PDB file of N, CA and C in Angstrom:
ATOM      1  N   MET A   1      44.428 -61.561 140.672  1.00  0.00           N
ATOM      2  CA  MET A   1      43.546 -62.157 139.700  1.00  0.00           C
ATOM      3  C   MET A   1      43.065 -63.505 140.225  1.00  0.00           C
ATOM      4  N   PRO A   2      41.792 -63.801 140.028  1.00  0.00           N
ATOM      5  CA  PRO A   2      41.290 -65.108 140.427  1.00  0.00           C
ATOM      6  C   PRO A   2      41.840 -66.205 139.519  1.00  0.00           C
ATOM      7  N   ARG A   3      41.979 -67.384 140.075  1.00  0.00           N
ATOM      8  CA  ARG A   3      42.405 -68.543 139.276  1.00  0.00           C
ATOM      9  C   ARG A   3      41.188 -69.106 138.582  1.00  0.00           C
ATOM     10  N   VAL A   4      41.373 -69.536 137.330  1.00  0.00           N
ATOM     11  CA  VAL A   4      40.263 -70.054 136.532  1.00  0.00           C
ATOM     12  C   VAL A   4      40.605 -71.431 135.977  1.00  0.00           C
ATOM     13  N   ASN A   5      39.554 -72.167 135.594  1.00  0.00           N
ATOM     14  CA  ASN A   5      39.743 -73.482 134.987  1.00  0.00           C
ATOM     15  C   ASN A   5      39.868 -73.331 133.461  1.00  0.00           C
ATOM     16  N   ALA A   6      39.895 -74.433 132.749  1.00  0.00           N
ATOM     17  CA  ALA A   6      40.061 -74.417 131.292  1.00  0.00           C
ATOM     18  C   ALA A   6      38.929 -73.686 130.570  1.00  0.00           C
ATOM     19  N   ASP A   7      37.772 -73.561 131.214  1.00  0.00           N
ATOM     20  CA  ASP A   7      36.639 -72.839 130.629  1.00  0.00           C
ATOM     21  C   ASP A   7      36.684 -71.348 130.924  1.00  0.00           C
ATOM     22  N   GLY A   8      37.630 -70.922 131.764  1.00  0.00           N
ATOM     23  CA  GLY A   8      37.717 -69.524 132.141  1.00  0.00           C
ATOM     24  C   GLY A   8      36.878 -69.172 133.349  1.00  0.00           C
ATOM     25  N   ASN A   9      36.288 -70.176 134.003  1.00  0.00           N
ATOM     26  CA  ASN A   9      35.459 -69.947 135.189  1.00  0.00           C
ATOM     27  C   ASN A   9      36.323 -70.055 136.450  1.00  0.00           C
ATOM     28  N   GLU A  10      36.034 -69.173 137.408  1.00  0.00           N
ATOM     29  CA  GLU A  10      36.793 -69.167 138.657  1.00  0.00           C
ATOM     30  C   GLU A  10      36.692 -70.512 139.368  1.00  0.00           C
ATOM     31  N   ILE A  11      37.780 -70.910 140.003  1.00  0.00           N
ATOM     32  CA  ILE A  11      37.798 -72.209 140.675  1.00  0.00           C
ATOM     33  C   ILE A  11      37.568 -72.095 142.182  1.00  0.00           C
ATOM     34  N   SER A  12      37.620 -70.892 142.726  1.00  0.00           N
ATOM     35  CA  SER A  12      37.432 -70.740 144.165  1.00  0.00           C
ATOM     36  C   SER A  12      35.963 -70.528 144.505  1.00  0.00           C
ATOM     37  N   GLY A  13      35.641 -70.684 145.756  1.00  0.00           N
ATOM     38  CA  GLY A  13      34.298 -70.395 146.240  1.00  0.00           C
ATOM     39  C   GLY A  13      33.314 -71.535 146.069  1.00  0.00           C
ATOM     40  N   ILE A  14      32.067 -71.235 146.358  1.00  0.00           N
ATOM     41  CA  ILE A  14      30.965 -72.190 146.207  1.00  0.00           C
ATOM     42  C   ILE A  14      30.463 -72.102 144.781  1.00  0.00           C
ATOM     43  N   HIS A  15      30.395 -73.238 144.121  1.00  0.00           N
ATOM     44  CA  HIS A  15      29.950 -73.258 142.733  1.00  0.00           C
ATOM     45  C   HIS A  15      28.484 -73.657 142.646  1.00  0.00           C
ATOM     46  N   LEU A  16      27.684 -72.730 142.166  1.00  0.00           N
ATOM     47  CA  LEU A  16      26.279 -73.021 141.914  1.00  0.00           C
ATOM     48  C   LEU A  16      26.184 -74.008 140.761  1.00  0.00           C
ATOM     49  N   PRO A  17      25.025 -74.663 140.597  1.00  0.00           N
ATOM     50  CA  PRO A  17      24.907 -75.658 139.530  1.00  0.00           C
ATOM     51  C   PRO A  17      25.332 -75.159 138.152  1.00  0.00           C
ATOM     52  N   GLU A  18      24.991 -73.909 137.803  1.00  0.00           N
ATOM     53  CA  GLU A  18      25.376 -73.418 136.477  1.00  0.00           C
ATOM     54  C   GLU A  18      26.878 -73.246 136.318  1.00  0.00           C
ATOM     55  N   MET A  19      27.612 -73.195 137.413  1.00  0.00           N
ATOM     56  CA  MET A  19      29.071 -73.161 137.340  1.00  0.00           C
ATOM     57  C   MET A  19      29.649 -74.574 137.291  1.00  0.00           C
ATOM     58  N   GLN A  20      28.961 -75.519 137.933  1.00  0.00           N
ATOM     59  CA  GLN A  20      29.413 -76.907 137.908  1.00  0.00           C
ATOM     60  C   GLN A  20      29.107 -77.573 136.573  1.00  0.00           C
ATOM     61  N   VAL A  21      28.039 -77.133 135.923  1.00  0.00           N
ATOM     62  CA  VAL A  21      27.579 -77.693 134.657  1.00  0.00           C
ATOM     63  C   VAL A  21      27.382 -76.500 133.706  1.00  0.00           C
ATOM     64  N   PRO A  22      28.484 -75.904 133.265  1.00  0.00           N
ATOM     65  CA  PRO A  22      28.384 -74.621 132.571  1.00  0.00           C
ATOM     66  C   PRO A  22      27.944 -74.705 131.117  1.00  0.00           C
ATOM     67  N   LEU A  23      27.384 -73.597 130.660  1.00  0.00           N
ATOM     68  CA  LEU A  23      27.055 -73.396 129.244  1.00  0.00           C
ATOM     69  C   LEU A  23      27.955 -72.321 128.639  1.00  0.00           C
ATOM     70  N   GLY A  24      28.884 -71.824 129.448  1.00  0.00           N
ATOM     71  CA  GLY A  24      29.796 -70.793 128.979  1.00  0.00           C
ATOM     72  C   GLY A  24      30.695 -70.340 130.103  1.00  0.00           C
ATOM     73  N   THR A  25      31.404 -69.276 129.840  1.00  0.00           N
ATOM     74  CA  THR A  25      32.299 -68.684 130.816  1.00  0.00           C
ATOM     75  C   THR A  25      31.596 -67.512 131.485  1.00  0.00           C
ATOM     76  N   TYR A  26      31.633 -67.494 132.801  1.00  0.00           N
ATOM     77  CA  TYR A  26      31.019 -66.428 133.591  1.00  0.00           C
ATOM     78  C   TYR A  26      32.136 -65.587 134.198  1.00  0.00           C
ATOM     79  N   THR A  27      32.011 -64.280 134.112  1.00  0.00           N
ATOM     80  CA  THR A  27      32.998 -63.413 134.742  1.00  0.00           C
ATOM     81  C   THR A  27      32.287 -62.461 135.689  1.00  0.00           C
ATOM     82  N   GLY A  28      33.024 -61.957 136.630  1.00  0.00           N
ATOM     83  CA  GLY A  28      32.481 -60.976 137.556  1.00  0.00           C
ATOM     84  C   GLY A  28      32.796 -59.560 137.108  1.00  0.00           C
ATOM     85  N   TRP A  29      33.233 -59.414 135.879  1.00  0.00           N
ATOM     86  CA  TRP A  29      33.626 -58.104 135.372  1.00  0.00           C
ATOM     87  C   TRP A  29      33.119 -57.944 133.944  1.00  0.00           C
ATOM     88  N   ASN A  30      33.170 -56.710 133.477  1.00  0.00           N
ATOM     89  CA  ASN A  30      32.742 -56.389 132.129  1.00  0.00           C
ATOM     90  C   ASN A  30      33.384 -55.062 131.746  1.00  0.00           C
ATOM     91  N   PHE A  31      33.916 -54.971 130.548  1.00  0.00           N
ATOM     92  CA  PHE A  31      34.477 -53.696 130.088  1.00  0.00           C
ATOM     93  C   PHE A  31      33.365 -52.744 129.678  1.00  0.00           C
ATOM     94  N   ARG A  32      33.619 -51.477 129.830  1.00  0.00           N
ATOM     95  CA  ARG A  32      32.670 -50.449 129.406  1.00  0.00           C
ATOM     96  C   ARG A  32      32.644 -50.392 127.881  1.00  0.00           C
ATOM     97  N   THR A  33      31.534 -49.954 127.318  1.00  0.00           N
ATOM     98  CA  THR A  33      31.439 -49.804 125.868  1.00  0.00           C
ATOM     99  C   THR A  33      32.150 -48.521 125.449  1.00  0.00           C
ATOM    100  N   ALA A  34      32.479 -48.434 124.176  1.00  0.00           N
ATOM    101  CA  ALA A  34      33.119 -47.232 123.648  1.00  0.00           C
ATOM    102  C   ALA A  34      32.215 -46.018 123.830  1.00  0.00           C
ATOM    103  N   ALA A  35      30.902 -46.218 123.745  1.00  0.00           N
ATOM    104  CA  ALA A  35      29.957 -45.118 123.912  1.00  0.00           C
ATOM    105  C   ALA A  35      30.022 -44.524 125.319  1.00  0.00           C
ATOM    106  N   MET A  36      30.430 -45.335 126.283  1.00  0.00           N
ATOM    107  CA  MET A  36      30.546 -44.861 127.668  1.00  0.00           C
ATOM    108  C   MET A  36      31.904 -44.198 127.917  1.00  0.00           C
ATOM    109  N   ARG A  37      32.742 -44.204 126.906  1.00  0.00           N
ATOM    110  CA  ARG A  37      34.114 -43.706 126.989  1.00  0.00           C
ATOM    111  C   ARG A  37      34.939 -44.669 127.868  1.00  0.00           C
ATOM    112  N   ALA A  38      36.215 -44.592 127.747  1.00  0.00           N
ATOM    113  CA  ALA A  38      37.138 -45.456 128.505  1.00  0.00           C
ATOM    114  C   ALA A  38      36.797 -46.937 128.339  1.00  0.00           C
ATOM    115  N   PRO A  39      36.782 -47.448 127.086  1.00  0.00           N
ATOM    116  CA  PRO A  39      36.385 -48.844 126.872  1.00  0.00           C
ATOM    117  C   PRO A  39      37.332 -49.878 127.474  1.00  0.00           C
ATOM    118  N   THR A  40      38.509 -49.458 127.906  1.00  0.00           N
ATOM    119  CA  THR A  40      39.419 -50.411 128.556  1.00  0.00           C
ATOM    120  C   THR A  40      39.231 -50.440 130.058  1.00  0.00           C
ATOM    121  N   GLU A  41      38.332 -49.609 130.571  1.00  0.00           N
ATOM    122  CA  GLU A  41      38.030 -49.585 132.000  1.00  0.00           C
ATOM    123  C   GLU A  41      36.880 -50.537 132.289  1.00  0.00           C
ATOM    124  N   MET A  42      36.892 -51.130 133.463  1.00  0.00           N
ATOM    125  CA  MET A  42      35.841 -52.082 133.825  1.00  0.00           C
ATOM    126  C   MET A  42      34.658 -51.382 134.466  1.00  0.00           C
ATOM    127  N   SER A  43      33.479 -51.937 134.231  1.00  0.00           N
ATOM    128  CA  SER A  43      32.263 -51.473 134.896  1.00  0.00           C
ATOM    129  C   SER A  43      32.129 -52.218 136.209  1.00  0.00           C
ATOM    130  N   SER A  44      31.719 -51.540 137.231  1.00  0.00           N
ATOM    131  CA  SER A  44      31.571 -52.178 138.538  1.00  0.00           C
ATOM    132  C   SER A  44      30.292 -52.990 138.610  1.00  0.00           C
ATOM    133  N   PHE A  45      30.362 -54.121 139.265  1.00  0.00           N
ATOM    134  CA  PHE A  45      29.207 -54.945 139.605  1.00  0.00           C
ATOM    135  C   PHE A  45      28.425 -55.457 138.392  1.00  0.00           C
ATOM    136  N   ILE A  46      29.045 -55.498 137.247  1.00  0.00           N
ATOM    137  CA  ILE A  46      28.367 -56.023 136.063  1.00  0.00           C
ATOM    138  C   ILE A  46      29.230 -57.148 135.513  1.00  0.00           C
ATOM    139  N   GLY A  47      28.694 -58.353 135.485  1.00  0.00           N
ATOM    140  CA  GLY A  47      29.436 -59.487 134.976  1.00  0.00           C
ATOM    141  C   GLY A  47      29.153 -59.738 133.512  1.00  0.00           C
ATOM    142  N   SER A  48      29.871 -60.693 132.956  1.00  0.00           N
ATOM    143  CA  SER A  48      29.691 -61.077 131.561  1.00  0.00           C
ATOM    144  C   SER A  48      29.491 -62.574 131.461  1.00  0.00           C
ATOM    145  N   PHE A  49      28.917 -62.980 130.343  1.00  0.00           N
ATOM    146  CA  PHE A  49      28.734 -64.391 130.026  1.00  0.00           C
ATOM    147  C   PHE A  49      29.174 -64.592 128.589  1.00  0.00           C
ATOM    148  N   PHE A  50      30.101 -65.531 128.388  1.00  0.00           N
ATOM    149  CA  PHE A  50      30.597 -65.860 127.068  1.00  0.00           C
ATOM    150  C   PHE A  50      30.205 -67.305 126.776  1.00  0.00           C
ATOM    151  N   PRO A  51      29.129 -67.514 126.000  1.00  0.00           N
ATOM    152  CA  PRO A  51      28.613 -68.871 125.790  1.00  0.00           C
ATOM    153  C   PRO A  51      29.588 -69.747 125.012  1.00  0.00           C
ATOM    154  N   PHE A  52      29.501 -71.040 125.280  1.00  0.00           N
ATOM    155  CA  PHE A  52      30.257 -72.017 124.506  1.00  0.00           C
ATOM    156  C   PHE A  52      29.635 -72.104 123.116  1.00  0.00           C
ATOM    157  N   ALA A  53      30.429 -72.500 122.151  1.00  0.00           N
ATOM    158  CA  ALA A  53      29.893 -72.784 120.821  1.00  0.00           C
ATOM    159  C   ALA A  53      28.872 -73.910 120.960  1.00  0.00           C
ATOM    160  N   ARG A  54      27.874 -73.895 120.114  1.00  0.00           N
ATOM    161  CA  ARG A  54      26.825 -74.917 120.198  1.00  0.00           C
ATOM    162  C   ARG A  54      27.337 -76.281 119.740  1.00  0.00           C
ATOM    163  N   THR A  55      28.137 -76.301 118.671  1.00  0.00           N
ATOM    164  CA  THR A  55      28.627 -77.562 118.119  1.00  0.00           C
ATOM    165  C   THR A  55      30.151 -77.558 118.036  1.00  0.00           C
ATOM    166  N   LYS A  56      30.702 -78.737 117.846  1.00  0.00           N
ATOM    167  CA  LYS A  56      32.149 -78.848 117.667  1.00  0.00           C
ATOM    168  C   LYS A  56      32.575 -78.086 116.417  1.00  0.00           C
ATOM    169  N   GLN A  57      31.785 -78.175 115.362  1.00  0.00           N
ATOM    170  CA  GLN A  57      32.085 -77.479 114.120  1.00  0.00           C
ATOM    171  C   GLN A  57      32.167 -75.961 114.339  1.00  0.00           C
ATOM    172  N   GLU A  58      31.214 -75.405 115.067  1.00  0.00           N
ATOM    173  CA  GLU A  58      31.245 -73.971 115.380  1.00  0.00           C
ATOM    174  C   GLU A  58      32.473 -73.624 116.214  1.00  0.00           C
ATOM    175  N   ARG A  59      32.776 -74.487 117.185  1.00  0.00           N
ATOM    176  CA  ARG A  59      33.931 -74.253 118.064  1.00  0.00           C
ATOM    177  C   ARG A  59      35.217 -74.187 117.256  1.00  0.00           C
ATOM    178  N   LEU A  60      35.395 -75.137 116.344  1.00  0.00           N
ATOM    179  CA  LEU A  60      36.606 -75.170 115.533  1.00  0.00           C
ATOM    180  C   LEU A  60      36.674 -73.953 114.602  1.00  0.00           C
ATOM    181  N   ALA A  61      35.547 -73.562 114.035  1.00  0.00           N
ATOM    182  CA  ALA A  61      35.508 -72.396 113.141  1.00  0.00           C
ATOM    183  C   ALA A  61      35.849 -71.111 113.897  1.00  0.00           C
ATOM    184  N   GLN A  62      35.476 -71.053 115.180  1.00  0.00           N
ATOM    185  CA  GLN A  62      35.735 -69.869 116.006  1.00  0.00           C
ATOM    186  C   GLN A  62      37.092 -69.937 116.703  1.00  0.00           C
ATOM    187  N   HIS A  63      37.796 -71.056 116.539  1.00  0.00           N
ATOM    188  CA  HIS A  63      39.086 -71.277 117.212  1.00  0.00           C
ATOM    189  C   HIS A  63      38.930 -71.150 118.729  1.00  0.00           C
ATOM    190  N   ASP A  64      37.833 -71.681 119.235  1.00  0.00           N
ATOM    191  CA  ASP A  64      37.529 -71.627 120.668  1.00  0.00           C
ATOM    192  C   ASP A  64      38.094 -72.885 121.320  1.00  0.00           C
ATOM    193  N   PRO A  65      39.001 -72.785 122.286  1.00  0.00           N
ATOM    194  CA  PRO A  65      39.572 -73.971 122.918  1.00  0.00           C
ATOM    195  C   PRO A  65      38.615 -74.682 123.870  1.00  0.00           C
ATOM    196  N   ARG A  66      37.508 -74.017 124.240  1.00  0.00           N
ATOM    197  CA  ARG A  66      36.559 -74.615 125.188  1.00  0.00           C
ATOM    198  C   ARG A  66      35.655 -75.615 124.458  1.00  0.00           C
ATOM    199  N   ALA A  67      35.370 -76.737 125.098  1.00  0.00           N
ATOM    200  CA  ALA A  67      34.483 -77.738 124.506  1.00  0.00           C
ATOM    201  C   ALA A  67      33.108 -77.120 124.234  1.00  0.00           C
ATOM    202  N   SER A  68      32.480 -77.542 123.139  1.00  0.00           N
ATOM    203  CA  SER A  68      31.163 -77.023 122.771  1.00  0.00           C
ATOM    204  C   SER A  68      30.079 -77.646 123.645  1.00  0.00           C
ATOM    205  N   ILE A  69      28.880 -77.096 123.523  1.00  0.00           N
ATOM    206  CA  ILE A  69      27.741 -77.636 124.266  1.00  0.00           C
ATOM    207  C   ILE A  69      27.495 -79.085 123.870  1.00  0.00           C
ATOM    208  N   GLU A  70      27.494 -79.387 122.560  1.00  0.00           N
ATOM    209  CA  GLU A  70      27.226 -80.757 122.124  1.00  0.00           C
ATOM    210  C   GLU A  70      28.318 -81.722 122.574  1.00  0.00           C
ATOM    211  N   GLU A  71      29.558 -81.254 122.708  1.00  0.00           N
ATOM    212  CA  GLU A  71      30.634 -82.118 123.177  1.00  0.00           C
ATOM    213  C   GLU A  71      30.517 -82.404 124.666  1.00  0.00           C
ATOM    214  N   ARG A  72      29.911 -81.504 125.403  1.00  0.00           N
ATOM    215  CA  ARG A  72      29.740 -81.656 126.845  1.00  0.00           C
ATOM    216  C   ARG A  72      28.490 -82.446 127.208  1.00  0.00           C
ATOM    217  N   TYR A  73      27.408 -82.111 126.525  1.00  0.00           N
ATOM    218  CA  TYR A  73      26.090 -82.648 126.879  1.00  0.00           C
ATOM    219  C   TYR A  73      25.402 -83.083 125.583  1.00  0.00           C
ATOM    220  N   ALA A  74      25.257 -84.363 125.397  1.00  0.00           N
ATOM    221  CA  ALA A  74      24.669 -84.873 124.151  1.00  0.00           C
ATOM    222  C   ALA A  74      23.230 -84.391 123.948  1.00  0.00           C
ATOM    223  N   THR A  75      22.524 -84.183 125.047  1.00  0.00           N
ATOM    224  CA  THR A  75      21.128 -83.752 124.946  1.00  0.00           C
ATOM    225  C   THR A  75      20.797 -82.785 126.077  1.00  0.00           C
ATOM    226  N   GLU A  76      19.689 -82.097 125.925  1.00  0.00           N
ATOM    227  CA  GLU A  76      19.198 -81.223 126.991  1.00  0.00           C
ATOM    228  C   GLU A  76      18.904 -82.029 128.247  1.00  0.00           C
ATOM    229  N   ASP A  77      18.355 -83.230 128.086  1.00  0.00           N
ATOM    230  CA  ASP A  77      18.046 -84.071 129.250  1.00  0.00           C
ATOM    231  C   ASP A  77      19.300 -84.404 130.056  1.00  0.00           C
ATOM    232  N   ILE A  78      20.393 -84.711 129.370  1.00  0.00           N
ATOM    233  CA  ILE A  78      21.650 -85.010 130.077  1.00  0.00           C
ATOM    234  C   ILE A  78      22.124 -83.774 130.829  1.00  0.00           C
ATOM    235  N   PHE A  79      22.048 -82.618 130.182  1.00  0.00           N
ATOM    236  CA  PHE A  79      22.420 -81.366 130.841  1.00  0.00           C
ATOM    237  C   PHE A  79      21.587 -81.155 132.100  1.00  0.00           C
ATOM    238  N   LEU A  80      20.270 -81.323 131.988  1.00  0.00           N
ATOM    239  CA  LEU A  80      19.389 -81.097 133.139  1.00  0.00           C
ATOM    240  C   LEU A  80      19.603 -82.141 134.234  1.00  0.00           C
ATOM    241  N   GLN A  81      19.936 -83.369 133.862  1.00  0.00           N
ATOM    242  CA  GLN A  81      20.256 -84.391 134.869  1.00  0.00           C
ATOM    243  C   GLN A  81      21.499 -83.979 135.666  1.00  0.00           C
ATOM    244  N   ARG A  82      22.488 -83.442 134.973  1.00  0.00           N
ATOM    245  CA  ARG A  82      23.718 -83.007 135.651  1.00  0.00           C
ATOM    246  C   ARG A  82      23.463 -81.786 136.531  1.00  0.00           C
ATOM    247  N   ILE A  83      22.608 -80.874 136.071  1.00  0.00           N
ATOM    248  CA  ILE A  83      22.226 -79.715 136.883  1.00  0.00           C
ATOM    249  C   ILE A  83      21.533 -80.187 138.154  1.00  0.00           C
ATOM    250  N   THR A  84      20.602 -81.134 138.003  1.00  0.00           N
ATOM    251  CA  THR A  84      19.869 -81.670 139.153  1.00  0.00           C
ATOM    252  C   THR A  84      20.826 -82.327 140.140  1.00  0.00           C
ATOM    253  N   ALA A  85      21.780 -83.110 139.635  1.00  0.00           N
ATOM    254  CA  ALA A  85      22.764 -83.761 140.511  1.00  0.00           C
ATOM    255  C   ALA A  85      23.610 -82.718 141.235  1.00  0.00           C
ATOM    256  N   ALA A  86      23.994 -81.660 140.543  1.00  0.00           N
ATOM    257  CA  ALA A  86      24.783 -80.602 141.179  1.00  0.00           C
ATOM    258  C   ALA A  86      23.974 -79.909 142.275  1.00  0.00           C
ATOM    259  N   ALA A  87      22.700 -79.661 142.010  1.00  0.00           N
ATOM    260  CA  ALA A  87      21.835 -79.039 143.012  1.00  0.00           C
ATOM    261  C   ALA A  87      21.669 -79.954 144.223  1.00  0.00           C
ATOM    262  N   ARG A  88      21.476 -81.232 143.984  1.00  0.00           N
ATOM    263  CA  ARG A  88      21.328 -82.190 145.100  1.00  0.00           C
ATOM    264  C   ARG A  88      22.603 -82.255 145.932  1.00  0.00           C
ATOM    265  N   SER A  89      23.745 -82.154 145.274  1.00  0.00           N
ATOM    266  CA  SER A  89      25.010 -82.151 146.000  1.00  0.00           C
ATOM    267  C   SER A  89      25.095 -80.933 146.921  1.00  0.00           C
ATOM    268  N   LEU A  90      24.648 -79.784 146.434  1.00  0.00           N
ATOM    269  CA  LEU A  90      24.650 -78.588 147.273  1.00  0.00           C
ATOM    270  C   LEU A  90      23.669 -78.722 148.434  1.00  0.00           C
ATOM    271  N   VAL A  91      22.557 -79.399 148.207  1.00  0.00           N
ATOM    272  CA  VAL A  91      21.606 -79.651 149.292  1.00  0.00           C
ATOM    273  C   VAL A  91      22.283 -80.527 150.354  1.00  0.00           C
ATOM    274  N   ALA A  92      22.973 -81.569 149.905  1.00  0.00           N
ATOM    275  CA  ALA A  92      23.654 -82.472 150.839  1.00  0.00           C
ATOM    276  C   ALA A  92      24.718 -81.735 151.651  1.00  0.00           C
ATOM    277  N   GLN A  93      25.309 -80.691 151.052  1.00  0.00           N
ATOM    278  CA  GLN A  93      26.321 -79.896 151.751  1.00  0.00           C
ATOM    279  C   GLN A  93      25.700 -78.755 152.566  1.00  0.00           C
ATOM    280  N   ARG A  94      24.374 -78.697 152.552  1.00  0.00           N
ATOM    281  CA  ARG A  94      23.619 -77.667 153.266  1.00  0.00           C
ATOM    282  C   ARG A  94      23.903 -76.257 152.737  1.00  0.00           C
ATOM    283  N   LEU A  95      24.109 -76.181 151.413  1.00  0.00           N
ATOM    284  CA  LEU A  95      24.372 -74.905 150.756  1.00  0.00           C
ATOM    285  C   LEU A  95      23.203 -74.452 149.880  1.00  0.00           C
ATOM    286  N   LEU A  96      22.202 -75.318 149.759  1.00  0.00           N
ATOM    287  CA  LEU A  96      21.016 -75.032 148.964  1.00  0.00           C
ATOM    288  C   LEU A  96      19.846 -75.749 149.625  1.00  0.00           C
ATOM    289  N   LEU A  97      18.689 -75.139 149.568  1.00  0.00           N
ATOM    290  CA  LEU A  97      17.493 -75.783 150.118  1.00  0.00           C
ATOM    291  C   LEU A  97      16.900 -76.744 149.100  1.00  0.00           C
ATOM    292  N   LYS A  98      16.423 -77.876 149.570  1.00  0.00           N
ATOM    293  CA  LYS A  98      15.840 -78.876 148.684  1.00  0.00           C
ATOM    294  C   LYS A  98      14.673 -78.293 147.888  1.00  0.00           C
ATOM    295  N   ARG A  99      13.895 -77.427 148.525  1.00  0.00           N
ATOM    296  CA  ARG A  99      12.733 -76.859 147.845  1.00  0.00           C
ATOM    297  C   ARG A  99      13.130 -75.942 146.681  1.00  0.00           C
ATOM    298  N   ASP A 100      14.402 -75.548 146.619  1.00  0.00           N
ATOM    299  CA  ASP A 100      14.870 -74.678 145.541  1.00  0.00           C
ATOM    300  C   ASP A 100      15.330 -75.439 144.295  1.00  0.00           C
ATOM    301  N   ILE A 101      15.430 -76.747 144.375  1.00  0.00           N
ATOM    302  CA  ILE A 101      15.902 -77.535 143.232  1.00  0.00           C
ATOM    303  C   ILE A 101      15.032 -77.318 141.990  1.00  0.00           C
ATOM    304  N   PRO A 102      13.693 -77.369 142.082  1.00  0.00           N
ATOM    305  CA  PRO A 102      12.899 -77.150 140.861  1.00  0.00           C
ATOM    306  C   PRO A 102      13.167 -75.787 140.206  1.00  0.00           C
ATOM    307  N   ALA A 103      13.381 -74.751 140.996  1.00  0.00           N
ATOM    308  CA  ALA A 103      13.674 -73.427 140.436  1.00  0.00           C
ATOM    309  C   ALA A 103      15.044 -73.415 139.758  1.00  0.00           C
ATOM    310  N   VAL A 104      16.010 -74.093 140.340  1.00  0.00           N
ATOM    311  CA  VAL A 104      17.347 -74.176 139.748  1.00  0.00           C
ATOM    312  C   VAL A 104      17.267 -74.892 138.399  1.00  0.00           C
ATOM    313  N   VAL A 105      16.524 -75.987 138.354  1.00  0.00           N
ATOM    314  CA  VAL A 105      16.396 -76.758 137.116  1.00  0.00           C
ATOM    315  C   VAL A 105      15.615 -75.961 136.061  1.00  0.00           C
ATOM    316  N   ALA A 106      14.575 -75.259 136.472  1.00  0.00           N
ATOM    317  CA  ALA A 106      13.799 -74.443 135.531  1.00  0.00           C
ATOM    318  C   ALA A 106      14.670 -73.332 134.939  1.00  0.00           C
ATOM    319  N   ARG A 107      15.478 -72.693 135.770  1.00  0.00           N
ATOM    320  CA  ARG A 107      16.371 -71.646 135.272  1.00  0.00           C
ATOM    321  C   ARG A 107      17.395 -72.241 134.310  1.00  0.00           C
ATOM    322  N   ALA A 108      17.919 -73.411 134.628  1.00  0.00           N
ATOM    323  CA  ALA A 108      18.894 -74.068 133.760  1.00  0.00           C
ATOM    324  C   ALA A 108      18.264 -74.415 132.411  1.00  0.00           C
ATOM    325  N   LYS A 109      17.007 -74.833 132.430  1.00  0.00           N
ATOM    326  CA  LYS A 109      16.304 -75.145 131.180  1.00  0.00           C
ATOM    327  C   LYS A 109      16.194 -73.888 130.311  1.00  0.00           C
ATOM    328  N   GLN A 110      15.877 -72.754 130.918  1.00  0.00           N
ATOM    329  CA  GLN A 110      15.813 -71.488 130.175  1.00  0.00           C
ATOM    330  C   GLN A 110      17.179 -71.112 129.621  1.00  0.00           C
ATOM    331  N   GLN A 111      18.218 -71.319 130.410  1.00  0.00           N
ATOM    332  CA  GLN A 111      19.561 -70.993 129.959  1.00  0.00           C
ATOM    333  C   GLN A 111      19.976 -71.886 128.794  1.00  0.00           C
ATOM    334  N   TRP A 112      19.621 -73.159 128.865  1.00  0.00           N
ATOM    335  CA  TRP A 112      19.912 -74.090 127.759  1.00  0.00           C
ATOM    336  C   TRP A 112      19.231 -73.601 126.486  1.00  0.00           C
ATOM    337  N   GLN A 113      17.945 -73.302 126.606  1.00  0.00           N
ATOM    338  CA  GLN A 113      17.188 -72.865 125.430  1.00  0.00           C
ATOM    339  C   GLN A 113      17.770 -71.583 124.850  1.00  0.00           C
ATOM    340  N   ALA A 114      18.178 -70.659 125.699  1.00  0.00           N
ATOM    341  CA  ALA A 114      18.776 -69.414 125.220  1.00  0.00           C
ATOM    342  C   ALA A 114      20.122 -69.678 124.553  1.00  0.00           C
ATOM    343  N   ALA A 115      20.936 -70.559 125.125  1.00  0.00           N
ATOM    344  CA  ALA A 115      22.253 -70.854 124.555  1.00  0.00           C
ATOM    345  C   ALA A 115      22.124 -71.526 123.200  1.00  0.00           C
ATOM    346  N   VAL A 116      21.174 -72.420 123.072  1.00  0.00           N
ATOM    347  CA  VAL A 116      20.976 -73.121 121.797  1.00  0.00           C
ATOM    348  C   VAL A 116      20.283 -72.201 120.798  1.00  0.00           C
ATOM    349  N   ALA A 117      19.279 -71.450 121.241  1.00  0.00           N
ATOM    350  CA  ALA A 117      18.531 -70.571 120.351  1.00  0.00           C
ATOM    351  C   ALA A 117      19.412 -69.469 119.793  1.00  0.00           C
ATOM    352  N   SER A 118      20.328 -68.949 120.593  1.00  0.00           N
ATOM    353  CA  SER A 118      21.158 -67.839 120.136  1.00  0.00           C
ATOM    354  C   SER A 118      22.022 -68.236 118.951  1.00  0.00           C
ATOM    355  N   ARG A 119      22.247 -69.528 118.771  1.00  0.00           N
ATOM    356  CA  ARG A 119      23.056 -69.999 117.651  1.00  0.00           C
ATOM    357  C   ARG A 119      22.192 -70.332 116.442  1.00  0.00           C
ATOM    358  N   GLU A 120      20.890 -70.334 116.611  1.00  0.00           N
ATOM    359  CA  GLU A 120      19.991 -70.685 115.511  1.00  0.00           C
ATOM    360  C   GLU A 120      19.272 -69.451 114.968  1.00  0.00           C
ATOM    361  N   GLY A 121      19.748 -68.271 115.324  1.00  0.00           N
ATOM    362  CA  GLY A 121      19.145 -67.061 114.817  1.00  0.00           C
ATOM    363  C   GLY A 121      17.866 -66.666 115.536  1.00  0.00           C
ATOM    364  N   ILE A 122      17.558 -67.351 116.626  1.00  0.00           N
ATOM    365  CA  ILE A 122      16.379 -67.026 117.426  1.00  0.00           C
ATOM    366  C   ILE A 122      16.834 -66.127 118.563  1.00  0.00           C
ATOM    367  N   LYS A 123      16.098 -65.076 118.804  1.00  0.00           N
ATOM    368  CA  LYS A 123      16.472 -64.169 119.879  1.00  0.00           C
ATOM    369  C   LYS A 123      16.447 -64.897 121.218  1.00  0.00           C
ATOM    370  N   PRO A 124      17.536 -64.834 122.015  1.00  0.00           N
ATOM    371  CA  PRO A 124      17.564 -65.514 123.315  1.00  0.00           C
ATOM    372  C   PRO A 124      16.498 -64.982 124.245  1.00  0.00           C
ATOM    373  N   ILE A 125      16.161 -65.805 125.229  1.00  0.00           N
ATOM    374  CA  ILE A 125      15.138 -65.456 126.218  1.00  0.00           C
ATOM    375  C   ILE A 125      15.585 -64.251 127.014  1.00  0.00           C
TER     376      ILE A 125
END
């Protein structure tokens, strides 16, 4: 089994910006649905994403030990600043191309909007 941090994210390997500045727990596995039969068996090559609660209040109501989005990042701008810093760090380590930073930040912005929207009854992107 891989070792994970307090958020349930793996600690080994190269961490992309969304792993360094997470909006939830990412897994490399996913259980099959009951409709597929064998719901306790894992599906190959399909990962899962378990978003953090949007607010501290939601987190406490869900008994989720992971810090909420609002507890981690006071605003979307702070989140995107941290994503940008993580991307720049990967560029400095020669693990990401500088020209890819805008795409990384744009994807992170979409992920933020989906994570926040999913808690407001708006269909995620």
